[in-house]
Amino acid sequence: MFKWLDEHFEEVLMVIFLILISCVMMLQVVVRKIPFIQSLTWAEEFSRFMWIMSVFISLPYTIRKANMLRVSVVLDLMPQKVRKVINLCVDVIVAACMALLAYHSVECLKWSAGEMLEGAKAETSPAMNWPMWWLYACGLFGFALATLRAVQMFFIHLKNFNVKELTTLEQTQLDAQAELEAAKSAEGAK
């Protein structure tokens, strides 16, 4: 169960958000075509909120899957040990940046909650009247999870320090070979 969550937690959330966006936008298109019925006033705002949530969830996903943008060509020219040390340094820097962003997200959330505690009316979204602190909480959740994922990747890289890492070219060739074999087996199944 924990292994599955480790590998798929963010994916499941992003898929749910994208399905919700697709369904609501399709509903909006259909409703517009029905005469004498007004379009949904909340659909655009709802979709925007789902996009924001999916962005914050994509941060820990890219960290865990090691899909962050990098200049791997330069790394490929370096010896294995140097590459491993650079990966560890990158993990520490990413964890520190995500922790800093999580800290400031707490400050935004405190500010939003502080308004409510002082008796002021909580800020809400215009169309759906959702409390805006929900979006601040999504940012905090995404950055905190990204921090945990960066720390997790640090320990994964540390554990596999002596394991040979493939270069970008070797990994691309391996992926292409796997796709070719999958295509051949699919062709053979027909």
N, C-alpha and C. Protein backbone atom coordinates (compact mmCIF):
# COMPACT_ATOMS: atom_id res chain seq x y z
N MET A 1 0.82 -1.20 0.00
CA MET A 1 0.00 0.00 0.00
C MET A 1 0.87 1.27 0.00
N PHE A 2 1.89 1.30 0.90
CA PHE A 2 2.75 2.47 0.95
C PHE A 2 3.58 2.61 -0.32
N LYS A 3 4.00 1.48 -0.88
CA LYS A 3 4.77 1.51 -2.12
C LYS A 3 3.93 2.10 -3.25
N TRP A 4 2.66 1.66 -3.31
CA TRP A 4 1.76 2.17 -4.35
C TRP A 4 1.55 3.68 -4.17
N LEU A 5 1.31 4.11 -2.94
CA LEU A 5 1.13 5.54 -2.67
C LEU A 5 2.39 6.33 -3.02
N ASP A 6 3.55 5.75 -2.70
CA ASP A 6 4.82 6.40 -3.03
C ASP A 6 4.95 6.63 -4.53
N GLU A 7 4.48 5.67 -5.31
CA GLU A 7 4.65 5.76 -6.75
C GLU A 7 3.52 6.50 -7.47
N HIS A 8 2.32 6.52 -6.89
CA HIS A 8 1.16 7.01 -7.65
C HIS A 8 0.30 8.08 -6.98
N PHE A 9 0.63 8.52 -5.77
CA PHE A 9 -0.23 9.44 -5.05
C PHE A 9 -0.52 10.72 -5.85
N GLU A 10 0.54 11.39 -6.30
CA GLU A 10 0.36 12.64 -7.03
C GLU A 10 -0.32 12.41 -8.37
N GLU A 11 0.01 11.29 -9.04
CA GLU A 11 -0.62 10.98 -10.32
C GLU A 11 -2.12 10.89 -10.18
N VAL A 12 -2.58 10.18 -9.16
CA VAL A 12 -4.02 9.99 -8.96
C VAL A 12 -4.69 11.34 -8.73
N LEU A 13 -4.11 12.18 -7.90
CA LEU A 13 -4.70 13.49 -7.65
C LEU A 13 -4.74 14.34 -8.93
N MET A 14 -3.66 14.33 -9.70
CA MET A 14 -3.65 15.11 -10.94
C MET A 14 -4.67 14.60 -11.94
N VAL A 15 -4.82 13.29 -12.03
CA VAL A 15 -5.82 12.71 -12.95
C VAL A 15 -7.23 13.12 -12.50
N ILE A 16 -7.50 13.06 -11.21
CA ILE A 16 -8.81 13.47 -10.70
C ILE A 16 -9.08 14.93 -11.05
N PHE A 17 -8.09 15.80 -10.81
CA PHE A 17 -8.27 17.22 -11.12
C PHE A 17 -8.53 17.42 -12.61
N LEU A 18 -7.78 16.73 -13.46
CA LEU A 18 -7.96 16.90 -14.91
C LEU A 18 -9.30 16.35 -15.39
N ILE A 19 -9.75 15.26 -14.79
CA ILE A 19 -11.08 14.73 -15.15
C ILE A 19 -12.16 15.72 -14.74
N LEU A 20 -12.04 16.29 -13.54
CA LEU A 20 -13.01 17.29 -13.10
C LEU A 20 -13.03 18.50 -14.03
N ILE A 21 -11.86 18.97 -14.43
CA ILE A 21 -11.78 20.11 -15.36
C ILE A 21 -12.47 19.76 -16.66
N SER A 22 -12.17 18.58 -17.21
CA SER A 22 -12.74 18.17 -18.49
C SER A 22 -14.26 18.06 -18.41
N CYS A 23 -14.76 17.44 -17.34
CA CYS A 23 -16.21 17.25 -17.20
C CYS A 23 -16.94 18.59 -17.05
N VAL A 24 -16.40 19.47 -16.24
CA VAL A 24 -17.06 20.77 -16.02
C VAL A 24 -17.01 21.61 -17.29
N MET A 25 -15.89 21.60 -17.99
CA MET A 25 -15.81 22.38 -19.23
C MET A 25 -16.73 21.80 -20.31
N MET A 26 -16.84 20.48 -20.36
CA MET A 26 -17.77 19.87 -21.32
C MET A 26 -19.21 20.23 -20.97
N LEU A 27 -19.52 20.20 -19.69
CA LEU A 27 -20.85 20.60 -19.24
C LEU A 27 -21.13 22.05 -19.60
N GLN A 28 -20.15 22.90 -19.45
CA GLN A 28 -20.30 24.31 -19.80
C GLN A 28 -20.60 24.48 -21.28
N VAL A 29 -19.91 23.73 -22.14
CA VAL A 29 -20.15 23.81 -23.58
C VAL A 29 -21.56 23.32 -23.91
N VAL A 30 -21.98 22.23 -23.31
CA VAL A 30 -23.32 21.68 -23.58
C VAL A 30 -24.40 22.65 -23.11
N VAL A 31 -24.22 23.20 -21.92
CA VAL A 31 -25.23 24.11 -21.36
C VAL A 31 -25.36 25.36 -22.22
N ARG A 32 -24.28 25.83 -22.80
CA ARG A 32 -24.35 27.02 -23.66
C ARG A 32 -25.21 26.78 -24.89
N LYS A 33 -25.25 25.55 -25.36
CA LYS A 33 -25.98 25.24 -26.59
C LYS A 33 -27.48 25.02 -26.34
N ILE A 34 -27.89 24.87 -25.08
CA ILE A 34 -29.30 24.66 -24.77
C ILE A 34 -29.98 26.03 -24.70
N PRO A 35 -31.02 26.22 -25.51
CA PRO A 35 -31.68 27.54 -25.50
C PRO A 35 -32.37 27.82 -24.16
N PHE A 36 -32.43 29.09 -23.82
CA PHE A 36 -33.12 29.59 -22.62
C PHE A 36 -32.46 29.16 -21.30
N ILE A 37 -31.26 28.64 -21.33
CA ILE A 37 -30.54 28.28 -20.11
C ILE A 37 -29.24 29.08 -20.09
N GLN A 38 -28.98 29.71 -18.97
CA GLN A 38 -27.76 30.50 -18.84
C GLN A 38 -26.56 29.57 -18.68
N SER A 39 -25.42 30.06 -19.13
CA SER A 39 -24.21 29.27 -18.94
C SER A 39 -23.86 29.22 -17.45
N LEU A 40 -23.01 28.29 -17.09
CA LEU A 40 -22.61 28.10 -15.70
C LEU A 40 -21.66 29.22 -15.30
N THR A 41 -22.02 29.96 -14.30
CA THR A 41 -21.20 31.11 -13.90
C THR A 41 -19.95 30.68 -13.14
N TRP A 42 -19.95 29.48 -12.60
CA TRP A 42 -18.87 29.03 -11.74
C TRP A 42 -17.86 28.13 -12.45
N ALA A 43 -18.16 27.71 -13.69
CA ALA A 43 -17.33 26.69 -14.36
C ALA A 43 -15.89 27.15 -14.57
N GLU A 44 -15.72 28.39 -15.03
CA GLU A 44 -14.35 28.87 -15.30
C GLU A 44 -13.54 28.96 -14.01
N GLU A 45 -14.15 29.48 -12.97
CA GLU A 45 -13.46 29.61 -11.69
C GLU A 45 -13.12 28.24 -11.11
N PHE A 46 -14.04 27.30 -11.20
CA PHE A 46 -13.80 25.95 -10.72
C PHE A 46 -12.61 25.33 -11.45
N SER A 47 -12.61 25.47 -12.78
CA SER A 47 -11.51 24.91 -13.57
C SER A 47 -10.18 25.57 -13.22
N ARG A 48 -10.21 26.87 -13.00
CA ARG A 48 -8.99 27.58 -12.62
C ARG A 48 -8.46 27.05 -11.28
N PHE A 49 -9.35 26.83 -10.32
CA PHE A 49 -8.93 26.29 -9.03
C PHE A 49 -8.34 24.89 -9.19
N MET A 50 -8.94 24.07 -10.02
CA MET A 50 -8.43 22.71 -10.24
C MET A 50 -7.05 22.76 -10.90
N TRP A 51 -6.86 23.72 -11.85
CA TRP A 51 -5.55 23.87 -12.49
C TRP A 51 -4.50 24.25 -11.46
N ILE A 52 -4.86 25.20 -10.59
CA ILE A 52 -3.92 25.63 -9.56
C ILE A 52 -3.55 24.46 -8.67
N MET A 53 -4.54 23.68 -8.26
CA MET A 53 -4.27 22.52 -7.41
C MET A 53 -3.38 21.51 -8.12
N SER A 54 -3.63 21.28 -9.41
CA SER A 54 -2.81 20.31 -10.14
C SER A 54 -1.37 20.80 -10.30
N VAL A 55 -1.19 22.11 -10.41
CA VAL A 55 0.18 22.65 -10.50
C VAL A 55 0.94 22.38 -9.21
N PHE A 56 0.28 22.63 -8.06
CA PHE A 56 0.96 22.42 -6.79
C PHE A 56 1.24 20.94 -6.53
N ILE A 57 0.41 20.07 -7.06
CA ILE A 57 0.64 18.62 -6.91
C ILE A 57 1.70 18.14 -7.90
N SER A 58 1.85 18.84 -9.01
CA SER A 58 2.85 18.40 -10.00
C SER A 58 4.28 18.64 -9.51
N LEU A 59 4.48 19.58 -8.58
CA LEU A 59 5.83 19.81 -8.04
C LEU A 59 6.42 18.56 -7.40
N PRO A 60 5.74 17.96 -6.39
CA PRO A 60 6.32 16.75 -5.80
C PRO A 60 6.38 15.59 -6.80
N TYR A 61 5.45 15.57 -7.74
CA TYR A 61 5.47 14.50 -8.75
C TYR A 61 6.73 14.56 -9.60
N THR A 62 7.07 15.75 -10.08
CA THR A 62 8.28 15.87 -10.93
C THR A 62 9.55 15.59 -10.14
N ILE A 63 9.53 15.95 -8.87
CA ILE A 63 10.71 15.68 -8.03
C ILE A 63 10.87 14.17 -7.84
N ARG A 64 9.77 13.49 -7.50
CA ARG A 64 9.83 12.04 -7.22
C ARG A 64 10.18 11.24 -8.47
N LYS A 65 9.65 11.65 -9.61
CA LYS A 65 9.90 10.92 -10.86
C LYS A 65 11.18 11.38 -11.55
N ALA A 66 11.87 12.33 -10.95
CA ALA A 66 13.12 12.89 -11.50
C ALA A 66 12.89 13.42 -12.91
N ASN A 67 11.76 14.12 -13.11
CA ASN A 67 11.42 14.70 -14.41
C ASN A 67 11.66 16.20 -14.46
N MET A 68 12.37 16.73 -13.49
CA MET A 68 12.62 18.16 -13.49
C MET A 68 13.52 18.51 -14.67
N LEU A 69 13.38 19.74 -15.13
CA LEU A 69 14.23 20.19 -16.23
C LEU A 69 15.67 20.29 -15.75
N ARG A 70 16.57 19.68 -16.49
CA ARG A 70 18.00 19.74 -16.17
C ARG A 70 18.81 19.74 -17.45
N VAL A 71 20.00 20.20 -17.32
CA VAL A 71 20.94 20.15 -18.44
C VAL A 71 21.77 18.89 -18.22
N SER A 72 21.25 17.76 -18.68
CA SER A 72 21.90 16.49 -18.40
C SER A 72 23.08 16.22 -19.34
N VAL A 73 23.18 16.95 -20.43
CA VAL A 73 24.30 16.74 -21.36
C VAL A 73 25.62 17.04 -20.66
N VAL A 74 25.64 18.11 -19.87
CA VAL A 74 26.86 18.48 -19.15
C VAL A 74 27.17 17.41 -18.10
N LEU A 75 26.13 16.95 -17.40
CA LEU A 75 26.34 15.90 -16.40
C LEU A 75 26.87 14.61 -17.02
N ASP A 76 26.40 14.29 -18.22
CA ASP A 76 26.83 13.06 -18.89
C ASP A 76 28.33 13.06 -19.20
N LEU A 77 28.92 14.23 -19.32
CA LEU A 77 30.35 14.33 -19.61
C LEU A 77 31.22 14.12 -18.37
N MET A 78 30.60 14.15 -17.22
CA MET A 78 31.36 14.05 -15.96
C MET A 78 31.47 12.61 -15.49
N PRO A 79 32.46 12.34 -14.65
CA PRO A 79 32.58 10.99 -14.08
C PRO A 79 31.38 10.66 -13.18
N GLN A 80 31.14 9.37 -12.97
CA GLN A 80 30.00 8.89 -12.18
C GLN A 80 29.93 9.53 -10.80
N LYS A 81 31.03 9.55 -10.08
CA LYS A 81 31.03 10.07 -8.71
C LYS A 81 30.66 11.55 -8.67
N VAL A 82 31.16 12.31 -9.63
CA VAL A 82 30.86 13.74 -9.68
C VAL A 82 29.37 13.93 -9.96
N ARG A 83 28.82 13.15 -10.88
CA ARG A 83 27.38 13.21 -11.17
C ARG A 83 26.56 12.92 -9.93
N LYS A 84 26.97 11.91 -9.18
CA LYS A 84 26.24 11.53 -7.97
C LYS A 84 26.27 12.65 -6.93
N VAL A 85 27.44 13.27 -6.77
CA VAL A 85 27.56 14.37 -5.81
C VAL A 85 26.70 15.56 -6.26
N ILE A 86 26.69 15.85 -7.55
CA ILE A 86 25.86 16.94 -8.06
C ILE A 86 24.38 16.64 -7.82
N ASN A 87 23.96 15.39 -8.05
CA ASN A 87 22.57 15.01 -7.78
C ASN A 87 22.20 15.24 -6.31
N LEU A 88 23.12 14.88 -5.41
CA LEU A 88 22.86 15.08 -3.98
C LEU A 88 22.76 16.57 -3.66
N CYS A 89 23.64 17.37 -4.25
CA CYS A 89 23.58 18.82 -4.03
C CYS A 89 22.28 19.41 -4.55
N VAL A 90 21.86 18.96 -5.72
CA VAL A 90 20.59 19.43 -6.30
C VAL A 90 19.43 19.06 -5.38
N ASP A 91 19.45 17.85 -4.84
CA ASP A 91 18.39 17.43 -3.92
C ASP A 91 18.32 18.33 -2.69
N VAL A 92 19.48 18.68 -2.15
CA VAL A 92 19.52 19.55 -0.96
C VAL A 92 18.99 20.95 -1.31
N ILE A 93 19.41 21.47 -2.46
CA ILE A 93 18.96 22.81 -2.87
C ILE A 93 17.45 22.82 -3.12
N VAL A 94 16.94 21.80 -3.81
CA VAL A 94 15.50 21.72 -4.07
C VAL A 94 14.73 21.60 -2.76
N ALA A 95 15.20 20.76 -1.85
CA ALA A 95 14.52 20.60 -0.56
C ALA A 95 14.51 21.93 0.20
N ALA A 96 15.62 22.65 0.19
CA ALA A 96 15.68 23.94 0.88
C ALA A 96 14.73 24.96 0.25
N CYS A 97 14.71 25.01 -1.08
CA CYS A 97 13.80 25.95 -1.77
C CYS A 97 12.35 25.61 -1.50
N MET A 98 12.00 24.35 -1.57
CA MET A 98 10.61 23.94 -1.32
C MET A 98 10.22 24.18 0.13
N ALA A 99 11.14 23.97 1.06
CA ALA A 99 10.86 24.23 2.47
C ALA A 99 10.64 25.73 2.70
N LEU A 100 11.44 26.55 2.04
CA LEU A 100 11.27 28.00 2.15
C LEU A 100 9.90 28.43 1.60
N LEU A 101 9.53 27.88 0.46
CA LEU A 101 8.21 28.19 -0.12
C LEU A 101 7.08 27.69 0.77
N ALA A 102 7.27 26.51 1.39
CA ALA A 102 6.26 26.00 2.33
C ALA A 102 6.13 26.93 3.53
N TYR A 103 7.27 27.40 4.04
CA TYR A 103 7.24 28.33 5.17
C TYR A 103 6.44 29.59 4.82
N HIS A 104 6.71 30.16 3.65
CA HIS A 104 5.98 31.37 3.25
C HIS A 104 4.52 31.07 2.93
N SER A 105 4.22 29.85 2.53
CA SER A 105 2.82 29.46 2.34
C SER A 105 2.09 29.44 3.67
N VAL A 106 2.79 29.02 4.72
CA VAL A 106 2.20 29.05 6.06
C VAL A 106 1.88 30.50 6.44
N GLU A 107 2.79 31.40 6.10
CA GLU A 107 2.56 32.81 6.40
C GLU A 107 1.31 33.33 5.66
N CYS A 108 1.14 32.95 4.40
CA CYS A 108 -0.05 33.35 3.64
C CYS A 108 -1.31 32.75 4.25
N LEU A 109 -1.22 31.51 4.65
CA LEU A 109 -2.37 30.85 5.26
C LEU A 109 -2.72 31.49 6.59
N LYS A 110 -1.68 31.84 7.38
CA LYS A 110 -1.92 32.53 8.66
C LYS A 110 -2.58 33.88 8.43
N TRP A 111 -2.12 34.59 7.41
CA TRP A 111 -2.70 35.89 7.10
C TRP A 111 -4.17 35.72 6.74
N SER A 112 -4.48 34.75 5.91
CA SER A 112 -5.86 34.52 5.50
C SER A 112 -6.72 34.09 6.70
N ALA A 113 -6.20 33.18 7.52
CA ALA A 113 -6.93 32.74 8.70
C ALA A 113 -6.99 33.85 9.73
N GLY A 114 -5.98 34.68 9.82
CA GLY A 114 -5.97 35.79 10.76
C GLY A 114 -7.08 36.78 10.50
N GLU A 115 -7.38 37.00 9.22
CA GLU A 115 -8.49 37.87 8.88
C GLU A 115 -9.79 37.33 9.46
N MET A 116 -9.97 36.01 9.35
CA MET A 116 -11.20 35.40 9.86
C MET A 116 -11.25 35.48 11.38
N LEU A 117 -10.10 35.32 12.05
CA LEU A 117 -10.06 35.34 13.50
C LEU A 117 -10.32 36.74 14.06
N GLU A 118 -9.95 37.76 13.29
CA GLU A 118 -10.16 39.13 13.74
C GLU A 118 -11.59 39.60 13.49
N GLY A 119 -12.43 38.71 12.99
CA GLY A 119 -13.83 39.06 12.79
C GLY A 119 -14.12 39.59 11.40
N ALA A 120 -13.10 39.77 10.59
CA ALA A 120 -13.35 40.22 9.22
C ALA A 120 -13.95 39.07 8.43
N LYS A 121 -14.71 39.43 7.43
CA LYS A 121 -15.30 38.40 6.59
C LYS A 121 -14.20 37.72 5.79
N ALA A 122 -14.21 36.41 5.80
CA ALA A 122 -13.18 35.66 5.07
C ALA A 122 -13.29 35.96 3.58
N GLU A 123 -12.13 36.11 2.96
CA GLU A 123 -12.09 36.36 1.52
C GLU A 123 -12.59 35.11 0.80
N THR A 124 -13.52 35.29 -0.13
CA THR A 124 -14.07 34.15 -0.87
C THR A 124 -13.93 34.40 -2.36
N SER A 125 -14.02 33.34 -3.11
CA SER A 125 -13.96 33.46 -4.56
C SER A 125 -15.28 34.07 -5.06
N PRO A 126 -15.23 34.82 -6.14
CA PRO A 126 -16.43 35.55 -6.58
C PRO A 126 -17.58 34.66 -7.04
N ALA A 127 -17.31 33.62 -7.81
CA ALA A 127 -18.39 32.84 -8.40
C ALA A 127 -18.89 31.71 -7.49
N MET A 128 -17.97 31.03 -6.82
CA MET A 128 -18.37 29.85 -6.04
C MET A 128 -18.43 30.12 -4.54
N ASN A 129 -17.95 31.27 -4.12
CA ASN A 129 -17.89 31.61 -2.70
C ASN A 129 -17.08 30.61 -1.87
N TRP A 130 -16.06 30.04 -2.47
CA TRP A 130 -15.15 29.17 -1.73
C TRP A 130 -14.18 30.05 -0.95
N PRO A 131 -13.84 29.64 0.27
CA PRO A 131 -12.84 30.42 1.01
C PRO A 131 -11.49 30.38 0.29
N MET A 132 -10.87 31.53 0.18
CA MET A 132 -9.59 31.59 -0.54
C MET A 132 -8.47 30.90 0.21
N TRP A 133 -8.64 30.68 1.51
CA TRP A 133 -7.59 29.99 2.25
C TRP A 133 -7.42 28.57 1.74
N TRP A 134 -8.43 28.02 1.06
CA TRP A 134 -8.28 26.68 0.47
C TRP A 134 -7.14 26.67 -0.54
N LEU A 135 -7.06 27.72 -1.35
CA LEU A 135 -5.97 27.79 -2.34
C LEU A 135 -4.62 27.94 -1.65
N TYR A 136 -4.58 28.75 -0.59
CA TYR A 136 -3.34 28.89 0.17
C TYR A 136 -2.94 27.55 0.79
N ALA A 137 -3.92 26.80 1.24
CA ALA A 137 -3.64 25.48 1.82
C ALA A 137 -3.11 24.52 0.76
N CYS A 138 -3.60 24.63 -0.47
CA CYS A 138 -3.09 23.78 -1.56
C CYS A 138 -1.62 24.08 -1.83
N GLY A 139 -1.26 25.36 -1.79
CA GLY A 139 0.14 25.73 -1.96
C GLY A 139 1.01 25.15 -0.87
N LEU A 140 0.54 25.29 0.36
CA LEU A 140 1.28 24.73 1.49
C LEU A 140 1.44 23.21 1.35
N PHE A 141 0.35 22.54 1.00
CA PHE A 141 0.40 21.08 0.84
C PHE A 141 1.38 20.69 -0.26
N GLY A 142 1.32 21.37 -1.40
CA GLY A 142 2.21 21.06 -2.51
C GLY A 142 3.68 21.28 -2.18
N PHE A 143 3.99 22.42 -1.56
CA PHE A 143 5.38 22.72 -1.22
C PHE A 143 5.90 21.80 -0.11
N ALA A 144 5.04 21.49 0.87
CA ALA A 144 5.47 20.58 1.94
C ALA A 144 5.73 19.18 1.39
N LEU A 145 4.84 18.71 0.52
CA LEU A 145 5.05 17.39 -0.09
C LEU A 145 6.27 17.40 -1.00
N ALA A 146 6.50 18.50 -1.70
CA ALA A 146 7.69 18.61 -2.55
C ALA A 146 8.96 18.57 -1.70
N THR A 147 8.92 19.19 -0.52
CA THR A 147 10.06 19.14 0.39
C THR A 147 10.34 17.70 0.81
N LEU A 148 9.28 17.00 1.19
CA LEU A 148 9.44 15.59 1.58
C LEU A 148 9.98 14.74 0.42
N ARG A 149 9.47 14.99 -0.78
CA ARG A 149 9.94 14.24 -1.95
C ARG A 149 11.41 14.53 -2.25
N ALA A 150 11.83 15.77 -2.09
CA ALA A 150 13.24 16.12 -2.32
C ALA A 150 14.14 15.44 -1.30
N VAL A 151 13.71 15.40 -0.05
CA VAL A 151 14.48 14.69 0.99
C VAL A 151 14.51 13.20 0.66
N GLN A 152 13.36 12.67 0.23
CA GLN A 152 13.30 11.26 -0.16
C GLN A 152 14.27 10.96 -1.31
N MET A 153 14.31 11.83 -2.31
CA MET A 153 15.22 11.63 -3.43
C MET A 153 16.68 11.73 -2.99
N PHE A 154 16.97 12.59 -2.02
CA PHE A 154 18.32 12.67 -1.48
C PHE A 154 18.74 11.32 -0.92
N PHE A 155 17.87 10.70 -0.13
CA PHE A 155 18.21 9.40 0.46
C PHE A 155 18.25 8.29 -0.59
N ILE A 156 17.41 8.37 -1.60
CA ILE A 156 17.46 7.39 -2.69
C ILE A 156 18.79 7.53 -3.44
N HIS A 157 19.17 8.77 -3.75
CA HIS A 157 20.46 8.98 -4.44
C HIS A 157 21.63 8.57 -3.56
N LEU A 158 21.54 8.82 -2.27
CA LEU A 158 22.60 8.43 -1.34
C LEU A 158 22.71 6.90 -1.26
N LYS A 159 21.57 6.24 -1.19
CA LYS A 159 21.54 4.77 -1.11
C LYS A 159 22.14 4.14 -2.38
N ASN A 160 21.87 4.76 -3.52
CA ASN A 160 22.34 4.23 -4.81
C ASN A 160 23.61 4.93 -5.29
N PHE A 161 24.39 5.43 -4.37
CA PHE A 161 25.58 6.21 -4.75
C PHE A 161 26.57 5.39 -5.57
N ASN A 162 26.72 4.12 -5.27
CA ASN A 162 27.69 3.30 -5.98
C ASN A 162 27.10 2.54 -7.17
N VAL A 163 25.82 2.75 -7.45
CA VAL A 163 25.18 2.10 -8.60
C VAL A 163 25.42 2.96 -9.83
N LYS A 164 25.81 2.31 -10.94
CA LYS A 164 26.10 3.06 -12.17
C LYS A 164 24.83 3.70 -12.70
N GLU A 165 24.95 4.95 -13.04
CA GLU A 165 23.83 5.72 -13.59
C GLU A 165 23.99 5.82 -15.09
N LEU A 166 22.90 5.59 -15.82
CA LEU A 166 22.94 5.67 -17.28
C LEU A 166 23.01 7.12 -17.73
N THR A 167 23.70 7.35 -18.84
CA THR A 167 23.71 8.68 -19.43
C THR A 167 22.37 8.91 -20.11
N THR A 168 22.13 10.13 -20.53
CA THR A 168 20.88 10.46 -21.21
C THR A 168 20.74 9.65 -22.49
N LEU A 169 21.82 9.52 -23.24
CA LEU A 169 21.80 8.76 -24.49
C LEU A 169 21.52 7.28 -24.22
N GLU A 170 22.17 6.71 -23.22
CA GLU A 170 21.94 5.29 -22.88
C GLU A 170 20.50 5.06 -22.43
N GLN A 171 19.97 5.97 -21.62
CA GLN A 171 18.59 5.84 -21.15
C GLN A 171 17.61 5.98 -22.31
N THR A 172 17.87 6.90 -23.23
CA THR A 172 17.00 7.09 -24.39
C THR A 172 17.01 5.85 -25.27
N GLN A 173 18.19 5.26 -25.49
CA GLN A 173 18.27 4.04 -26.29
C GLN A 173 17.55 2.89 -25.61
N LEU A 174 17.68 2.78 -24.30
CA LEU A 174 16.99 1.74 -23.54
C LEU A 174 15.47 1.91 -23.63
N ASP A 175 15.00 3.15 -23.49
CA ASP A 175 13.56 3.43 -23.61
C ASP A 175 13.04 3.12 -25.01
N ALA A 176 13.82 3.48 -26.03
CA ALA A 176 13.42 3.21 -27.41
C ALA A 176 13.35 1.71 -27.67
N GLN A 177 14.30 0.97 -27.13
CA GLN A 177 14.29 -0.48 -27.28
C GLN A 177 13.06 -1.09 -26.61
N ALA A 178 12.71 -0.60 -25.43
CA ALA A 178 11.53 -1.11 -24.72
C ALA A 178 10.25 -0.80 -25.50
N GLU A 179 10.17 0.40 -26.08
CA GLU A 179 9.00 0.75 -26.90
C GLU A 179 8.91 -0.11 -28.15
N LEU A 180 10.06 -0.39 -28.76
CA LEU A 180 10.09 -1.24 -29.95
C LEU A 180 9.61 -2.64 -29.62
N GLU A 181 10.08 -3.18 -28.50
CA GLU A 181 9.65 -4.52 -28.09
C GLU A 181 8.16 -4.54 -27.74
N ALA A 182 7.67 -3.49 -27.13
CA ALA A 182 6.23 -3.41 -26.80
C ALA A 182 5.40 -3.34 -28.08
N ALA A 183 5.88 -2.59 -29.07
CA ALA A 183 5.17 -2.48 -30.35
C ALA A 183 5.16 -3.82 -31.08
N LYS A 184 6.29 -4.53 -31.02
CA LYS A 184 6.36 -5.85 -31.68
C LYS A 184 5.42 -6.86 -31.00
N SER A 185 5.36 -6.82 -29.68
CA SER A 185 4.49 -7.76 -28.97
C SER A 185 3.02 -7.40 -29.21
N ALA A 186 2.70 -6.13 -29.34
CA ALA A 186 1.34 -5.72 -29.66
C ALA A 186 0.98 -6.12 -31.07
N GLU A 187 1.94 -6.01 -31.97
CA GLU A 187 1.73 -6.42 -33.36
C GLU A 187 1.54 -7.93 -33.45
N GLY A 188 2.31 -8.67 -32.66
CA GLY A 188 2.20 -10.13 -32.65
C GLY A 188 0.88 -10.61 -32.04
N ALA A 189 0.31 -9.81 -31.16
CA ALA A 189 -0.95 -10.20 -30.51
C ALA A 189 -2.13 -10.06 -31.45
N LYS A 190 -1.98 -9.25 -32.50
CA LYS A 190 -3.06 -9.07 -33.47
C LYS A 190 -3.11 -10.25 -34.35
